[in-house]
C-alpha atoms as a PDB file:
ATOM      1  CA  MET A   1     251.679  80.376  87.416  1.00  0.00           C
ATOM      2  CA  VAL A   2     254.218  79.309  84.786  1.00  0.00           C
ATOM      3  CA  LEU A   3     252.794  81.801  82.277  1.00  0.00           C
ATOM      4  CA  LEU A   4     252.918  84.560  84.893  1.00  0.00           C
ATOM      5  CA  ALA A   5     256.580  83.750  85.591  1.00  0.00           C
ATOM      6  CA  TRP A   6     257.233  83.796  81.832  1.00  0.00           C
ATOM      7  CA  MET A   7     255.753  87.272  81.524  1.00  0.00           C
ATOM      8  CA  GLY A   8     257.635  88.455  84.610  1.00  0.00           C
ATOM      9  CA  VAL A   9     261.068  87.429  83.381  1.00  0.00           C
ATOM     10  CA  ASN A  10     260.379  88.773  79.890  1.00  0.00           C
ATOM     11  CA  GLY A  11     259.167  92.049  81.397  1.00  0.00           C
ATOM     12  CA  ALA A  12     262.374  92.249  83.425  1.00  0.00           C
ATOM     13  CA  ASP A  13     264.362  91.526  80.273  1.00  0.00           C
ATOM     14  CA  ALA A  14     262.553  94.327  78.433  1.00  0.00           C
ATOM     15  CA  LEU A  15     263.238  96.761  81.283  1.00  0.00           C
ATOM     16  CA  LEU A  16     266.912  95.826  81.350  1.00  0.00           C
ATOM     17  CA  THR A  17     267.038  96.196  77.566  1.00  0.00           C
ATOM     18  CA  ALA A  18     265.524  99.681  77.836  1.00  0.00           C
ATOM     19  CA  LEU A  19     268.043 100.592  80.543  1.00  0.00           C
ATOM     20  CA  SER A  20     270.997  99.297  78.548  1.00  0.00           C
ATOM     21  CA  LEU A  21     269.825 101.122  75.410  1.00  0.00           C
ATOM     22  CA  ALA A  22     269.527 104.331  77.438  1.00  0.00           C
ATOM     23  CA  LEU A  23     273.109 103.796  78.585  1.00  0.00           C
ATOM     24  CA  GLY A  24     274.322 103.525  74.990  1.00  0.00           C
ATOM     25  CA  ALA A  25     274.270  99.780  74.318  1.00  0.00           C
ATOM     26  CA  SER A  26     272.729  98.200  71.223  1.00  0.00           C
ATOM     27  CA  GLU A  27     270.320  95.313  70.781  1.00  0.00           C
ATOM     28  CA  LEU A  28     272.177  92.160  69.755  1.00  0.00           C
ATOM     29  CA  ASN A  29     269.141  90.418  68.262  1.00  0.00           C
ATOM     30  CA  PRO A  30     269.327  91.391  64.570  1.00  0.00           C
ATOM     31  CA  PHE A  31     265.539  91.261  64.110  1.00  0.00           C
ATOM     32  CA  LEU A  32     264.822  93.485  67.101  1.00  0.00           C
ATOM     33  CA  GLY A  33     267.843  95.672  66.396  1.00  0.00           C
ATOM     34  CA  THR A  34     266.544  96.454  62.924  1.00  0.00           C
ATOM     35  CA  ILE A  35     263.088  97.228  64.310  1.00  0.00           C
ATOM     36  CA  GLY A  36     264.700  99.499  66.900  1.00  0.00           C
ATOM     37  CA  ILE A  37     266.607 101.412  64.223  1.00  0.00           C
ATOM     38  CA  VAL A  38     263.676 101.734  61.830  1.00  0.00           C
ATOM     39  CA  LEU A  39     260.689 102.145  64.169  1.00  0.00           C
ATOM     40  CA  GLY A  40     262.219 103.300  67.447  1.00  0.00           C
ATOM     41  CA  THR A  41     263.067 101.837  70.816  1.00  0.00           C
ATOM     42  CA  GLN A  42     259.545 101.895  72.245  1.00  0.00           C
ATOM     43  CA  THR A  43     258.177  99.942  69.294  1.00  0.00           C
ATOM     44  CA  MET A  44     261.011  97.433  69.562  1.00  0.00           C
ATOM     45  CA  LEU A  45     260.305  96.857  73.263  1.00  0.00           C
ATOM     46  CA  ALA A  46     256.584  96.488  72.596  1.00  0.00           C
ATOM     47  CA  ILE A  47     257.251  93.931  69.848  1.00  0.00           C
ATOM     48  CA  LYS A  48     259.658  92.110  72.160  1.00  0.00           C
ATOM     49  CA  LEU A  49     256.955  91.807  74.823  1.00  0.00           C
ATOM     50  CA  LEU A  50     254.244  90.863  72.324  1.00  0.00           C
ATOM     51  CA  PHE A  51     256.484  88.162  70.869  1.00  0.00           C
ATOM     52  CA  ALA A  52     257.125  86.766  74.350  1.00  0.00           C
ATOM     53  CA  LEU A  53     253.400  86.858  75.136  1.00  0.00           C
ATOM     54  CA  SER A  54     252.547  85.020  71.925  1.00  0.00           C
ATOM     55  CA  ILE A  55     255.144  82.308  72.581  1.00  0.00           C
ATOM     56  CA  GLY A  56     253.902  81.925  76.152  1.00  0.00           C
ATOM     57  CA  GLY A  57     250.285  81.794  75.016  1.00  0.00           C
ATOM     58  CA  VAL A  58     250.957  79.125  72.409  1.00  0.00           C
ATOM     59  CA  LEU A  59     252.927  76.980  74.850  1.00  0.00           C
ATOM     60  CA  TRP A  60     250.270  77.474  77.531  1.00  0.00           C
ATOM     61  CA  GLU A  61     247.495  76.514  75.113  1.00  0.00           C
ATOM     62  CA  ARG A  62     249.347  73.347  74.101  1.00  0.00           C
ATOM     63  CA  GLY A  63     249.994  72.406  77.719  1.00  0.00           C
ATOM     64  CA  ALA A  64     253.769  72.475  77.313  1.00  0.00           C
ATOM     65  CA  PHE A  65     254.430  73.373  80.939  1.00  0.00           C
ATOM     66  CA  ARG A  66     257.731  71.500  81.144  1.00  0.00           C
ATOM     67  CA  ILE A  67     259.086  73.438  78.175  1.00  0.00           C
ATOM     68  CA  MET A  68     257.852  76.697  79.703  1.00  0.00           C
ATOM     69  CA  ARG A  69     259.580  75.874  82.997  1.00  0.00           C
ATOM     70  CA  THR A  70     262.837  75.255  81.140  1.00  0.00           C
ATOM     71  CA  LEU A  71     262.455  78.496  79.177  1.00  0.00           C
ATOM     72  CA  ASN A  72     261.712  80.365  82.417  1.00  0.00           C
ATOM     73  CA  ILE A  73     264.941  79.097  83.950  1.00  0.00           C
ATOM     74  CA  ALA A  74     266.846  80.098  80.809  1.00  0.00           C
ATOM     75  CA  MET A  75     265.297  83.579  80.838  1.00  0.00           C
ATOM     76  CA  VAL A  76     266.142  84.036  84.527  1.00  0.00           C
ATOM     77  CA  LEU A  77     269.764  83.294  83.651  1.00  0.00           C
ATOM     78  CA  VAL A  78     269.606  85.815  80.783  1.00  0.00           C
ATOM     79  CA  VAL A  79     268.119  88.485  83.067  1.00  0.00           C
ATOM     80  CA  PHE A  80     270.767  87.853  85.744  1.00  0.00           C
ATOM     81  CA  TYR A  81     273.536  88.017  83.145  1.00  0.00           C
ATOM     82  CA  ASN A  82     272.170  91.259  81.686  1.00  0.00           C
ATOM     83  CA  ALA A  83     271.838  92.794  85.154  1.00  0.00           C
ATOM     84  CA  LEU A  84     275.416  91.784  85.934  1.00  0.00           C
ATOM     85  CA  ILE A  85     276.713  93.346  82.719  1.00  0.00           C
ATOM     86  CA  ILE A  86     274.744  96.573  83.318  1.00  0.00           C
ATOM     87  CA  SER A  87     275.868  96.846  86.930  1.00  0.00           C
ATOM     88  CA  TYR A  88     279.474  96.227  85.857  1.00  0.00           C
ATOM     89  CA  GLY A  89     279.141  98.914  83.193  1.00  0.00           C
ATOM     90  CA  LEU A  90     277.839 101.456  85.702  1.00  0.00           C
ATOM     91  CA  ASN A  91     280.945 101.140  87.853  1.00  0.00           C
END
């Protein structure tokens, strides 16, 4: 269940990133921003999701459920913040 929540919040983050990029924003992560410039937005979003899946898989395999729960809470806060910024920008 913790891994499913991890993928859900990272999927929501990727969707909000795609929406913000479509509205003219830029990716603030320098690694992903460079990938987005060189290889395109779709590739950047795919790498973002694959990176999240690999982190979740490693933590799941090691049994680090407490760390995953903490990261899930942090990602929920990031998603809420991004949604707030996007909704503010649309007004």
